[in-house]
Amino acid sequence: MPILAGDIGGTKTLLQLKDGARVLFERRFDSTAFADFAAVLATFLDQAAREGLGDVSAACIGVAGPVEGNRARVTNLPWRLDAEALAARFGIPRLRLINDFQAVGYGLETLGDDDLRVLQRGEARAGAPRALIGAGTGLGEGILVWSGDHYEVLASEGGHVDFAPTDALQRALLAWLSERQPRVSYEDIVSGPGLETLYRFHAAHFAGQVPATLLATLEQGGGAAVISRAAEQGDVLAGQTLDMFVKIYGAQAGNLALTCLAAGGVYIAGGIAPRLAERLSRGIFMAAFRDKGKMGELLARYPVYVVMNPRVGLQGAAEMAARISP
């Protein structure tokens, strides 16, 4: 019987049926179009059944949010998942929920050289911890530790730690955000919604330099994509916004690398990094990553990669589903 792998994000949900290395069936769903995950899974299994695919031997679902025991909640959706209830409802003998960045971490082992873009070559130390961070709808983090013959992935909600500015403009950003919300985390800034927040800060801080048409477009939706496109077309403020985003992203990646001494490598995943790969390669990201005083020389020795494969989380969930399959 096939295994089922899932990758739940605040924007999209990917589901896949797989038999060994062969993908049998796969679909992408708009997460916000469904009241809960059970409705997504029911739709997916109904579609698979029409293709002649039946029972599932095991399932692993990566969830963008904290997982406690057999239960999970999606941070940026009103979804609650219960592994036992889902297994019973859909007749799946073994079903496991893991954090989405745990799934990405397990998926790293499935990647080839073409799936990675080198930001800093460094020298990876065999068996040393690895750090994983990625901005998308939110900011995910994970830590990989060596376990005999493979890496195990520790879940983390480190994207929600308090934001620490590193220069005068970032201190102004913190003050501006603090007037609008009780607490400021890295996820409030290093994420898709955070990029739009950064642009609005720049629009307020540099009044008179903002094209009215761009602000009007932002009001209609599209946020991060609109800002990125404006930067590509030469909008100075949009370019400054992206540079600040990249700088803060690099600083937090460096914080995580120091936290676990990631001599095995630092991996920048998530939906945004591949789209900003060129800007990440220009030096701002790595300069902020290494700007750690006495520890800068240490961080200069760690390999740093952008994960270019958008399916890495799904691949990691499939790896875990195969492990628990009877």
C-alpha atoms as a PDB file:
ATOM      1  CA  MET A   1       0.000   0.000   0.000  1.00  0.00           C
ATOM      2  CA  PRO A   2       1.182   3.557  -0.664  1.00  0.00           C
ATOM      3  CA  ILE A   3       2.234   6.066   1.965  1.00  0.00           C
ATOM      4  CA  LEU A   4       0.775   9.563   2.293  1.00  0.00           C
ATOM      5  CA  ALA A   5       2.873  12.689   2.808  1.00  0.00           C
ATOM      6  CA  GLY A   6       1.601  16.154   3.571  1.00  0.00           C
ATOM      7  CA  ASP A   7       3.013  19.662   3.935  1.00  0.00           C
ATOM      8  CA  ILE A   8       0.622  22.152   5.542  1.00  0.00           C
ATOM      9  CA  GLY A   9       1.436  25.850   5.288  1.00  0.00           C
ATOM     10  CA  GLY A  10      -0.529  28.967   6.033  1.00  0.00           C
ATOM     11  CA  THR A  11      -0.966  29.573   2.294  1.00  0.00           C
ATOM     12  CA  LYS A  12      -0.901  26.154   0.635  1.00  0.00           C
ATOM     13  CA  THR A  13      -1.196  22.475   1.495  1.00  0.00           C
ATOM     14  CA  LEU A  14       0.577  19.791  -0.553  1.00  0.00           C
ATOM     15  CA  LEU A  15      -0.496  16.143  -0.367  1.00  0.00           C
ATOM     16  CA  GLN A  16       1.121  13.172  -2.060  1.00  0.00           C
ATOM     17  CA  LEU A  17       0.706   9.399  -2.375  1.00  0.00           C
ATOM     18  CA  LYS A  18       3.926   7.531  -2.938  1.00  0.00           C
ATOM     19  CA  ASP A  19       5.002   3.917  -3.456  1.00  0.00           C
ATOM     20  CA  GLY A  20       8.727   3.579  -2.839  1.00  0.00           C
ATOM     21  CA  ALA A  21      10.419   6.215  -4.979  1.00  0.00           C
ATOM     22  CA  ARG A  22       7.414   6.523  -7.297  1.00  0.00           C
ATOM     23  CA  VAL A  23       4.918   9.363  -6.868  1.00  0.00           C
ATOM     24  CA  LEU A  24       1.436   7.999  -7.571  1.00  0.00           C
ATOM     25  CA  PHE A  25      -0.720  11.055  -7.008  1.00  0.00           C
ATOM     26  CA  GLU A  26      -0.178  14.639  -5.845  1.00  0.00           C
ATOM     27  CA  ARG A  27      -2.301  17.737  -5.401  1.00  0.00           C
ATOM     28  CA  ARG A  28      -1.886  21.297  -4.147  1.00  0.00           C
ATOM     29  CA  PHE A  29      -4.679  23.040  -2.230  1.00  0.00           C
ATOM     30  CA  ASP A  30      -5.317  26.618  -1.151  1.00  0.00           C
ATOM     31  CA  SER A  31      -5.261  26.246   2.637  1.00  0.00           C
ATOM     32  CA  THR A  32      -7.527  29.239   3.244  1.00  0.00           C
ATOM     33  CA  ALA A  33     -10.287  27.686   1.109  1.00  0.00           C
ATOM     34  CA  PHE A  34     -10.954  24.934   3.673  1.00  0.00           C
ATOM     35  CA  ALA A  35     -12.374  25.073   7.193  1.00  0.00           C
ATOM     36  CA  ASP A  36      -9.982  22.420   8.474  1.00  0.00           C
ATOM     37  CA  PHE A  37      -7.380  19.893   7.364  1.00  0.00           C
ATOM     38  CA  ALA A  38      -9.818  16.980   7.477  1.00  0.00           C
ATOM     39  CA  ALA A  39     -11.778  18.617   4.641  1.00  0.00           C
ATOM     40  CA  VAL A  40      -8.590  18.914   2.570  1.00  0.00           C
ATOM     41  CA  LEU A  41      -7.630  15.295   3.212  1.00  0.00           C
ATOM     42  CA  ALA A  42     -11.139  14.055   2.366  1.00  0.00           C
ATOM     43  CA  THR A  43     -11.035  15.942  -0.946  1.00  0.00           C
ATOM     44  CA  PHE A  44      -7.583  14.563  -1.754  1.00  0.00           C
ATOM     45  CA  LEU A  45      -8.470  10.945  -0.967  1.00  0.00           C
ATOM     46  CA  ASP A  46     -11.703  11.206  -2.961  1.00  0.00           C
ATOM     47  CA  GLN A  47      -9.725  12.464  -5.963  1.00  0.00           C
ATOM     48  CA  ALA A  48      -7.172   9.682  -5.522  1.00  0.00           C
ATOM     49  CA  ALA A  49      -9.933   7.074  -5.327  1.00  0.00           C
ATOM     50  CA  ARG A  50     -11.228   8.217  -8.720  1.00  0.00           C
ATOM     51  CA  GLU A  51      -7.750   7.391 -10.052  1.00  0.00           C
ATOM     52  CA  GLY A  52      -8.006   3.864  -8.678  1.00  0.00           C
ATOM     53  CA  LEU A  53      -5.865   4.489  -5.591  1.00  0.00           C
ATOM     54  CA  GLY A  54      -7.150   3.053  -2.336  1.00  0.00           C
ATOM     55  CA  ASP A  55      -5.848   2.341   1.154  1.00  0.00           C
ATOM     56  CA  VAL A  56      -2.844   4.059   2.720  1.00  0.00           C
ATOM     57  CA  SER A  57      -0.383   2.178   4.951  1.00  0.00           C
ATOM     58  CA  ALA A  58       1.060   5.196   6.815  1.00  0.00           C
ATOM     59  CA  ALA A  59       1.009   8.980   6.727  1.00  0.00           C
ATOM     60  CA  CYS A  60       3.189  11.827   7.925  1.00  0.00           C
ATOM     61  CA  ILE A  61       1.957  15.408   7.853  1.00  0.00           C
ATOM     62  CA  GLY A  62       4.233  18.407   8.321  1.00  0.00           C
ATOM     63  CA  VAL A  63       2.358  21.199  10.109  1.00  0.00           C
ATOM     64  CA  ALA A  64       3.321  24.895  10.129  1.00  0.00           C
ATOM     65  CA  GLY A  65       2.883  25.271  13.861  1.00  0.00           C
ATOM     66  CA  PRO A  66       3.609  23.611  17.196  1.00  0.00           C
ATOM     67  CA  VAL A  67       3.048  19.856  17.506  1.00  0.00           C
ATOM     68  CA  GLU A  68       2.425  18.450  20.960  1.00  0.00           C
ATOM     69  CA  GLY A  69       2.074  14.695  21.132  1.00  0.00           C
ATOM     70  CA  ASN A  70      -0.644  13.626  18.721  1.00  0.00           C
ATOM     71  CA  ARG A  71      -2.078  17.104  18.278  1.00  0.00           C
ATOM     72  CA  ALA A  72      -1.055  20.187  16.335  1.00  0.00           C
ATOM     73  CA  ARG A  73      -2.317  23.627  15.465  1.00  0.00           C
ATOM     74  CA  VAL A  74      -1.468  25.707  12.417  1.00  0.00           C
ATOM     75  CA  THR A  75      -0.059  29.060  13.536  1.00  0.00           C
ATOM     76  CA  ASN A  76      -1.517  31.146  10.723  1.00  0.00           C
ATOM     77  CA  LEU A  77      -4.798  29.253  10.212  1.00  0.00           C
ATOM     78  CA  PRO A  78      -7.654  28.297  12.547  1.00  0.00           C
ATOM     79  CA  TRP A  79      -6.857  24.605  12.025  1.00  0.00           C
ATOM     80  CA  ARG A  80      -6.434  22.014  14.792  1.00  0.00           C
ATOM     81  CA  LEU A  81      -5.237  18.492  13.960  1.00  0.00           C
ATOM     82  CA  ASP A  82      -5.554  15.315  15.996  1.00  0.00           C
ATOM     83  CA  ALA A  83      -3.533  12.392  14.627  1.00  0.00           C
ATOM     84  CA  GLU A  84      -5.651   9.697  16.283  1.00  0.00           C
ATOM     85  CA  ALA A  85      -8.918  11.237  15.081  1.00  0.00           C
ATOM     86  CA  LEU A  86      -7.617  11.616  11.523  1.00  0.00           C
ATOM     87  CA  ALA A  87      -6.270   8.044  11.486  1.00  0.00           C
ATOM     88  CA  ALA A  88      -9.598   6.663  12.689  1.00  0.00           C
ATOM     89  CA  ARG A  89     -11.722   8.734  10.301  1.00  0.00           C
ATOM     90  CA  PHE A  90      -9.691   7.891   7.198  1.00  0.00           C
ATOM     91  CA  GLY A  91      -8.630   4.343   8.079  1.00  0.00           C
ATOM     92  CA  ILE A  92      -4.889   5.033   8.139  1.00  0.00           C
ATOM     93  CA  PRO A  93      -3.076   2.528  10.405  1.00  0.00           C
ATOM     94  CA  ARG A  94      -0.224   4.869  11.326  1.00  0.00           C
ATOM     95  CA  LEU A  95      -0.389   8.639  11.122  1.00  0.00           C
ATOM     96  CA  ARG A  96       2.199  11.026  12.549  1.00  0.00           C
ATOM     97  CA  LEU A  97       2.185  14.809  12.822  1.00  0.00           C
ATOM     98  CA  ILE A  98       5.487  16.697  12.798  1.00  0.00           C
ATOM     99  CA  ASN A  99       6.420  20.360  12.622  1.00  0.00           C
ATOM    100  CA  ASP A 100       6.789  21.589   9.043  1.00  0.00           C
ATOM    101  CA  PHE A 101      10.433  22.476   9.563  1.00  0.00           C
ATOM    102  CA  GLN A 102      11.086  19.036  10.970  1.00  0.00           C
ATOM    103  CA  ALA A 103       9.768  17.812   7.617  1.00  0.00           C
ATOM    104  CA  VAL A 104      12.071  20.216   5.768  1.00  0.00           C
ATOM    105  CA  GLY A 105      14.984  18.970   7.887  1.00  0.00           C
ATOM    106  CA  TYR A 106      14.316  15.334   6.993  1.00  0.00           C
ATOM    107  CA  GLY A 107      13.952  16.414   3.384  1.00  0.00           C
ATOM    108  CA  LEU A 108      17.483  17.852   3.291  1.00  0.00           C
ATOM    109  CA  GLU A 109      18.816  14.310   2.977  1.00  0.00           C
ATOM    110  CA  THR A 110      16.885  13.898  -0.290  1.00  0.00           C
ATOM    111  CA  LEU A 111      18.446  16.929  -2.001  1.00  0.00           C
ATOM    112  CA  GLY A 112      21.157  17.004  -4.636  1.00  0.00           C
ATOM    113  CA  ASP A 113      23.738  19.684  -5.359  1.00  0.00           C
ATOM    114  CA  ASP A 114      21.408  21.329  -7.876  1.00  0.00           C
ATOM    115  CA  ASP A 115      18.852  21.898  -5.120  1.00  0.00           C
ATOM    116  CA  LEU A 116      21.222  24.100  -3.127  1.00  0.00           C
ATOM    117  CA  ARG A 117      22.710  27.535  -3.805  1.00  0.00           C
ATOM    118  CA  VAL A 118      25.908  28.287  -1.903  1.00  0.00           C
ATOM    119  CA  LEU A 119      26.046  31.588   0.003  1.00  0.00           C
ATOM    120  CA  GLN A 120      29.164  30.682   1.967  1.00  0.00           C
ATOM    121  CA  ARG A 121      31.225  27.618   1.169  1.00  0.00           C
ATOM    122  CA  GLY A 122      32.751  27.111   4.588  1.00  0.00           C
ATOM    123  CA  GLU A 123      33.891  23.709   5.783  1.00  0.00           C
ATOM    124  CA  ALA A 124      31.175  21.352   6.996  1.00  0.00           C
ATOM    125  CA  ARG A 125      32.180  19.178   9.954  1.00  0.00           C
ATOM    126  CA  ALA A 126      30.794  15.635   9.726  1.00  0.00           C
ATOM    127  CA  GLY A 127      28.168  14.894  12.355  1.00  0.00           C
ATOM    128  CA  ALA A 128      28.031  18.496  13.627  1.00  0.00           C
ATOM    129  CA  PRO A 129      24.644  20.189  14.189  1.00  0.00           C
ATOM    130  CA  ARG A 130      22.864  21.829  11.300  1.00  0.00           C
ATOM    131  CA  ALA A 131      20.599  24.885  11.455  1.00  0.00           C
ATOM    132  CA  LEU A 132      17.496  25.388   9.354  1.00  0.00           C
ATOM    133  CA  ILE A 133      15.551  28.629   8.915  1.00  0.00           C
ATOM    134  CA  GLY A 134      13.000  29.747   6.364  1.00  0.00           C
ATOM    135  CA  ALA A 135      10.619  32.616   5.747  1.00  0.00           C
ATOM    136  CA  GLY A 136       7.241  32.107   4.107  1.00  0.00           C
ATOM    137  CA  THR A 137       3.832  32.902   5.548  1.00  0.00           C
ATOM    138  CA  GLY A 138       5.700  32.732   8.873  1.00  0.00           C
ATOM    139  CA  LEU A 139       9.306  32.150   9.960  1.00  0.00           C
ATOM    140  CA  GLY A 140      10.208  28.511  10.556  1.00  0.00           C
ATOM    141  CA  GLU A 141      13.290  27.173  12.305  1.00  0.00           C
ATOM    142  CA  GLY A 142      14.738  23.775  13.138  1.00  0.00           C
ATOM    143  CA  ILE A 143      17.905  22.157  14.450  1.00  0.00           C
ATOM    144  CA  LEU A 144      19.392  18.903  13.128  1.00  0.00           C
ATOM    145  CA  VAL A 145      21.480  16.674  15.404  1.00  0.00           C
ATOM    146  CA  TRP A 146      23.462  13.582  14.427  1.00  0.00           C
ATOM    147  CA  SER A 147      22.020  10.298  15.701  1.00  0.00           C
ATOM    148  CA  GLY A 148      24.436   7.480  14.881  1.00  0.00           C
ATOM    149  CA  ASP A 149      23.856   7.151  11.153  1.00  0.00           C
ATOM    150  CA  HIS A 150      21.424   9.930  10.293  1.00  0.00           C
ATOM    151  CA  TYR A 151      20.229  13.377  11.355  1.00  0.00           C
ATOM    152  CA  GLU A 152      17.236  13.770  13.643  1.00  0.00           C
ATOM    153  CA  VAL A 153      15.372  17.059  13.474  1.00  0.00           C
ATOM    154  CA  LEU A 154      14.361  19.015  16.568  1.00  0.00           C
ATOM    155  CA  ALA A 155      11.280  21.198  16.195  1.00  0.00           C
ATOM    156  CA  SER A 156      11.558  24.862  17.100  1.00  0.00           C
ATOM    157  CA  GLU A 157       9.358  27.931  17.309  1.00  0.00           C
ATOM    158  CA  GLY A 158      12.406  30.193  17.305  1.00  0.00           C
ATOM    159  CA  GLY A 159      10.865  32.476  14.695  1.00  0.00           C
ATOM    160  CA  HIS A 160       8.741  33.898  17.505  1.00  0.00           C
ATOM    161  CA  VAL A 161      11.653  35.126  19.644  1.00  0.00           C
ATOM    162  CA  ASP A 162      11.907  38.868  20.333  1.00  0.00           C
ATOM    163  CA  PHE A 163      13.254  41.007  17.499  1.00  0.00           C
ATOM    164  CA  ALA A 164      16.621  42.624  18.277  1.00  0.00           C
ATOM    165  CA  PRO A 165      17.549  45.602  16.043  1.00  0.00           C
ATOM    166  CA  THR A 166      21.170  45.971  14.960  1.00  0.00           C
ATOM    167  CA  ASP A 167      21.288  49.564  13.649  1.00  0.00           C
ATOM    168  CA  ALA A 168      19.549  52.926  14.004  1.00  0.00           C
ATOM    169  CA  LEU A 169      16.958  52.325  11.273  1.00  0.00           C
ATOM    170  CA  GLN A 170      16.034  48.958  12.770  1.00  0.00           C
ATOM    171  CA  ARG A 171      15.659  50.618  16.166  1.00  0.00           C
ATOM    172  CA  ALA A 172      13.244  53.069  14.540  1.00  0.00           C
ATOM    173  CA  LEU A 173      11.403  50.088  13.057  1.00  0.00           C
ATOM    174  CA  LEU A 174      11.085  48.482  16.487  1.00  0.00           C
ATOM    175  CA  ALA A 175       9.754  51.726  17.975  1.00  0.00           C
ATOM    176  CA  TRP A 176       7.241  52.094  15.097  1.00  0.00           C
ATOM    177  CA  LEU A 177       6.001  48.512  15.479  1.00  0.00           C
ATOM    178  CA  SER A 178       5.875  48.764  19.275  1.00  0.00           C
ATOM    179  CA  GLU A 179       3.360  51.593  18.930  1.00  0.00           C
ATOM    180  CA  ARG A 180       1.106  49.264  16.961  1.00  0.00           C
ATOM    181  CA  GLN A 181       1.392  45.913  18.741  1.00  0.00           C
ATOM    182  CA  PRO A 182       2.316  44.687  22.223  1.00  0.00           C
ATOM    183  CA  ARG A 183       5.302  42.598  21.158  1.00  0.00           C
ATOM    184  CA  VAL A 184       7.588  42.336  18.104  1.00  0.00           C
ATOM    185  CA  SER A 185       9.068  39.014  16.986  1.00  0.00           C
ATOM    186  CA  TYR A 186      11.315  38.107  14.064  1.00  0.00           C
ATOM    187  CA  GLU A 187       8.323  36.478  12.340  1.00  0.00           C
ATOM    188  CA  ASP A 188       6.564  39.852  12.356  1.00  0.00           C
ATOM    189  CA  ILE A 189       9.322  41.067  10.017  1.00  0.00           C
ATOM    190  CA  VAL A 190      10.967  38.077   8.308  1.00  0.00           C
ATOM    191  CA  SER A 191       7.923  36.633   6.545  1.00  0.00           C
ATOM    192  CA  GLY A 192       5.650  37.442   3.613  1.00  0.00           C
ATOM    193  CA  PRO A 193       3.346  39.649   5.725  1.00  0.00           C
ATOM    194  CA  GLY A 194       6.454  41.056   7.419  1.00  0.00           C
ATOM    195  CA  LEU A 195       7.861  42.285   4.117  1.00  0.00           C
ATOM    196  CA  GLU A 196       4.721  44.328   3.568  1.00  0.00           C
ATOM    197  CA  THR A 197       5.020  45.642   7.140  1.00  0.00           C
ATOM    198  CA  LEU A 198       8.591  46.725   6.382  1.00  0.00           C
ATOM    199  CA  TYR A 199       7.468  48.623   3.292  1.00  0.00           C
ATOM    200  CA  ARG A 200       4.769  50.425   5.249  1.00  0.00           C
ATOM    201  CA  PHE A 201       7.386  51.387   7.828  1.00  0.00           C
ATOM    202  CA  HIS A 202       9.609  52.791   5.081  1.00  0.00           C
ATOM    203  CA  ALA A 203       6.641  54.670   3.625  1.00  0.00           C
ATOM    204  CA  ALA A 204       6.018  56.280   7.030  1.00  0.00           C
ATOM    205  CA  HIS A 205       9.687  56.906   7.799  1.00  0.00           C
ATOM    206  CA  PHE A 206      10.531  58.339   4.379  1.00  0.00           C
ATOM    207  CA  ALA A 207       7.323  60.247   3.764  1.00  0.00           C
ATOM    208  CA  GLY A 208       7.033  61.725   0.300  1.00  0.00           C
ATOM    209  CA  GLN A 209       9.182  59.071  -1.410  1.00  0.00           C
ATOM    210  CA  VAL A 210       6.406  56.518  -1.894  1.00  0.00           C
ATOM    211  CA  PRO A 211       4.626  56.106  -5.239  1.00  0.00           C
ATOM    212  CA  ALA A 212       0.903  56.470  -4.538  1.00  0.00           C
ATOM    213  CA  THR A 213       0.180  53.793  -7.106  1.00  0.00           C
ATOM    214  CA  LEU A 214       2.244  51.230  -5.181  1.00  0.00           C
ATOM    215  CA  LEU A 215       0.473  51.930  -1.896  1.00  0.00           C
ATOM    216  CA  ALA A 216      -2.859  51.626  -3.682  1.00  0.00           C
ATOM    217  CA  THR A 217      -1.781  48.287  -5.157  1.00  0.00           C
ATOM    218  CA  LEU A 218      -0.772  47.028  -1.692  1.00  0.00           C
ATOM    219  CA  GLU A 219      -4.234  47.890  -0.390  1.00  0.00           C
ATOM    220  CA  GLN A 220      -5.664  45.529  -3.013  1.00  0.00           C
ATOM    221  CA  GLY A 221      -3.482  42.610  -1.808  1.00  0.00           C
ATOM    222  CA  GLY A 222      -0.443  40.888  -3.230  1.00  0.00           C
ATOM    223  CA  GLY A 223       1.929  42.287  -0.591  1.00  0.00           C
ATOM    224  CA  ALA A 224       5.359  40.690  -0.891  1.00  0.00           C
ATOM    225  CA  ALA A 225       5.098  39.989  -4.623  1.00  0.00           C
ATOM    226  CA  VAL A 226       4.114  43.600  -5.346  1.00  0.00           C
ATOM    227  CA  ILE A 227       7.094  44.940  -3.374  1.00  0.00           C
ATOM    228  CA  SER A 228       9.561  42.538  -4.992  1.00  0.00           C
ATOM    229  CA  ARG A 229       8.311  43.446  -8.452  1.00  0.00           C
ATOM    230  CA  ALA A 230       8.567  47.163  -7.658  1.00  0.00           C
ATOM    231  CA  ALA A 231      12.161  46.700  -6.510  1.00  0.00           C
ATOM    232  CA  GLU A 232      13.013  44.901  -9.750  1.00  0.00           C
ATOM    233  CA  GLN A 233      11.526  47.843 -11.676  1.00  0.00           C
ATOM    234  CA  GLY A 234      13.762  50.329  -9.864  1.00  0.00           C
ATOM    235  CA  ASP A 235      11.565  51.568  -7.006  1.00  0.00           C
ATOM    236  CA  VAL A 236      14.170  52.838  -4.520  1.00  0.00           C
ATOM    237  CA  LEU A 237      12.062  52.437  -1.385  1.00  0.00           C
ATOM    238  CA  ALA A 238      11.059  48.899  -2.334  1.00  0.00           C
ATOM    239  CA  GLY A 239      14.737  48.087  -2.867  1.00  0.00           C
ATOM    240  CA  GLN A 240      15.616  49.530   0.556  1.00  0.00           C
ATOM    241  CA  THR A 241      12.794  47.479   2.074  1.00  0.00           C
ATOM    242  CA  LEU A 242      14.145  44.263   0.579  1.00  0.00           C
ATOM    243  CA  ASP A 243      17.661  45.109   1.745  1.00  0.00           C
ATOM    244  CA  MET A 244      16.420  45.592   5.318  1.00  0.00           C
ATOM    245  CA  PHE A 245      14.455  42.347   5.090  1.00  0.00           C
ATOM    246  CA  VAL A 246      17.554  40.467   3.905  1.00  0.00           C
ATOM    247  CA  LYS A 247      19.731  42.045   6.597  1.00  0.00           C
ATOM    248  CA  ILE A 248      17.372  41.103   9.432  1.00  0.00           C
ATOM    249  CA  TYR A 249      16.946  37.626   7.924  1.00  0.00           C
ATOM    250  CA  GLY A 250      20.722  37.154   7.886  1.00  0.00           C
ATOM    251  CA  ALA A 251      21.078  38.387  11.465  1.00  0.00           C
ATOM    252  CA  GLN A 252      18.524  35.884  12.766  1.00  0.00           C
ATOM    253  CA  ALA A 253      20.079  33.062  10.716  1.00  0.00           C
ATOM    254  CA  GLY A 254      23.368  33.906  12.423  1.00  0.00           C
ATOM    255  CA  ASN A 255      21.656  33.913  15.827  1.00  0.00           C
ATOM    256  CA  LEU A 256      20.341  30.406  15.192  1.00  0.00           C
ATOM    257  CA  ALA A 257      23.719  29.192  13.927  1.00  0.00           C
ATOM    258  CA  LEU A 258      25.360  30.431  17.130  1.00  0.00           C
ATOM    259  CA  THR A 259      22.648  28.884  19.295  1.00  0.00           C
ATOM    260  CA  CYS A 260      23.388  25.350  18.063  1.00  0.00           C
ATOM    261  CA  LEU A 261      26.966  25.844  16.749  1.00  0.00           C
ATOM    262  CA  ALA A 262      25.889  24.737  13.280  1.00  0.00           C
ATOM    263  CA  ALA A 263      29.244  23.555  11.957  1.00  0.00           C
ATOM    264  CA  GLY A 264      27.348  21.000   9.843  1.00  0.00           C
ATOM    265  CA  GLY A 265      25.830  23.802   7.769  1.00  0.00           C
ATOM    266  CA  VAL A 266      23.086  26.418   7.772  1.00  0.00           C
ATOM    267  CA  TYR A 267      20.170  25.946   5.376  1.00  0.00           C
ATOM    268  CA  ILE A 268      17.901  28.803   4.279  1.00  0.00           C
ATOM    269  CA  ALA A 269      14.598  27.294   3.177  1.00  0.00           C
ATOM    270  CA  GLY A 270      10.989  28.516   2.937  1.00  0.00           C
ATOM    271  CA  GLY A 271       9.089  30.000   0.032  1.00  0.00           C
ATOM    272  CA  ILE A 272      10.762  33.417  -0.053  1.00  0.00           C
ATOM    273  CA  ALA A 273      14.472  32.530  -0.159  1.00  0.00           C
ATOM    274  CA  PRO A 274      14.530  30.973  -3.665  1.00  0.00           C
ATOM    275  CA  ARG A 275      12.744  34.035  -5.065  1.00  0.00           C
ATOM    276  CA  LEU A 276      15.283  36.350  -3.422  1.00  0.00           C
ATOM    277  CA  ALA A 277      18.318  34.149  -4.111  1.00  0.00           C
ATOM    278  CA  GLU A 278      20.055  36.797  -6.193  1.00  0.00           C
ATOM    279  CA  ARG A 279      19.618  39.459  -3.508  1.00  0.00           C
ATOM    280  CA  LEU A 280      20.680  37.015  -0.784  1.00  0.00           C
ATOM    281  CA  SER A 281      23.884  36.442  -2.754  1.00  0.00           C
ATOM    282  CA  ARG A 282      24.859  40.127  -2.907  1.00  0.00           C
ATOM    283  CA  GLY A 283      26.563  40.162   0.490  1.00  0.00           C
ATOM    284  CA  ILE A 284      24.068  41.902   2.800  1.00  0.00           C
ATOM    285  CA  PHE A 285      22.692  38.628   4.134  1.00  0.00           C
ATOM    286  CA  MET A 286      26.087  37.082   4.887  1.00  0.00           C
ATOM    287  CA  ALA A 287      27.490  40.306   6.347  1.00  0.00           C
ATOM    288  CA  ALA A 288      24.601  40.385   8.834  1.00  0.00           C
ATOM    289  CA  PHE A 289      24.987  36.646   9.453  1.00  0.00           C
ATOM    290  CA  ARG A 290      28.648  37.098  10.445  1.00  0.00           C
ATOM    291  CA  ASP A 291      28.206  40.380  12.331  1.00  0.00           C
ATOM    292  CA  LYS A 292      28.471  38.759  15.775  1.00  0.00           C
ATOM    293  CA  GLY A 293      31.479  40.460  17.320  1.00  0.00           C
ATOM    294  CA  LYS A 294      33.930  37.910  18.690  1.00  0.00           C
ATOM    295  CA  MET A 295      31.914  35.083  17.118  1.00  0.00           C
ATOM    296  CA  GLY A 296      32.068  36.454  13.573  1.00  0.00           C
ATOM    297  CA  GLU A 297      35.185  34.463  12.723  1.00  0.00           C
ATOM    298  CA  LEU A 298      33.478  31.271  13.903  1.00  0.00           C
ATOM    299  CA  LEU A 299      30.414  31.884  11.726  1.00  0.00           C
ATOM    300  CA  ALA A 300      32.649  32.596   8.723  1.00  0.00           C
ATOM    301  CA  ARG A 301      33.616  28.897   8.803  1.00  0.00           C
ATOM    302  CA  TYR A 302      30.068  27.530   8.574  1.00  0.00           C
ATOM    303  CA  PRO A 303      28.632  26.522   5.176  1.00  0.00           C
ATOM    304  CA  VAL A 304      25.456  28.414   4.283  1.00  0.00           C
ATOM    305  CA  TYR A 305      23.033  27.298   1.564  1.00  0.00           C
ATOM    306  CA  VAL A 306      19.740  28.440   0.052  1.00  0.00           C
ATOM    307  CA  VAL A 307      17.384  25.505  -0.480  1.00  0.00           C
ATOM    308  CA  MET A 308      16.011  26.019  -3.995  1.00  0.00           C
ATOM    309  CA  ASN A 309      13.712  22.962  -4.067  1.00  0.00           C
ATOM    310  CA  PRO A 310      10.162  24.014  -3.044  1.00  0.00           C
ATOM    311  CA  ARG A 311       9.142  20.400  -2.379  1.00  0.00           C
ATOM    312  CA  VAL A 312      11.714  19.672   0.317  1.00  0.00           C
ATOM    313  CA  GLY A 313       9.111  19.616   3.125  1.00  0.00           C
ATOM    314  CA  LEU A 314       6.897  17.205   1.250  1.00  0.00           C
ATOM    315  CA  GLN A 315       9.897  14.989   0.510  1.00  0.00           C
ATOM    316  CA  GLY A 316      10.832  14.998   4.181  1.00  0.00           C
ATOM    317  CA  ALA A 317       7.309  14.041   5.252  1.00  0.00           C
ATOM    318  CA  ALA A 318       7.428  11.170   2.742  1.00  0.00           C
ATOM    319  CA  GLU A 319      10.745  10.001   4.228  1.00  0.00           C
ATOM    320  CA  MET A 320       9.194   9.913   7.683  1.00  0.00           C
ATOM    321  CA  ALA A 321       6.025   8.194   6.463  1.00  0.00           C
ATOM    322  CA  ALA A 322       8.181   5.472   4.903  1.00  0.00           C
ATOM    323  CA  ARG A 323       9.978   4.991   8.250  1.00  0.00           C
ATOM    324  CA  ILE A 324       6.733   4.371  10.147  1.00  0.00           C
ATOM    325  CA  SER A 325       5.068   2.282   7.425  1.00  0.00           C
ATOM    326  CA  PRO A 326       4.461  -1.312   8.614  1.00  0.00           C
END
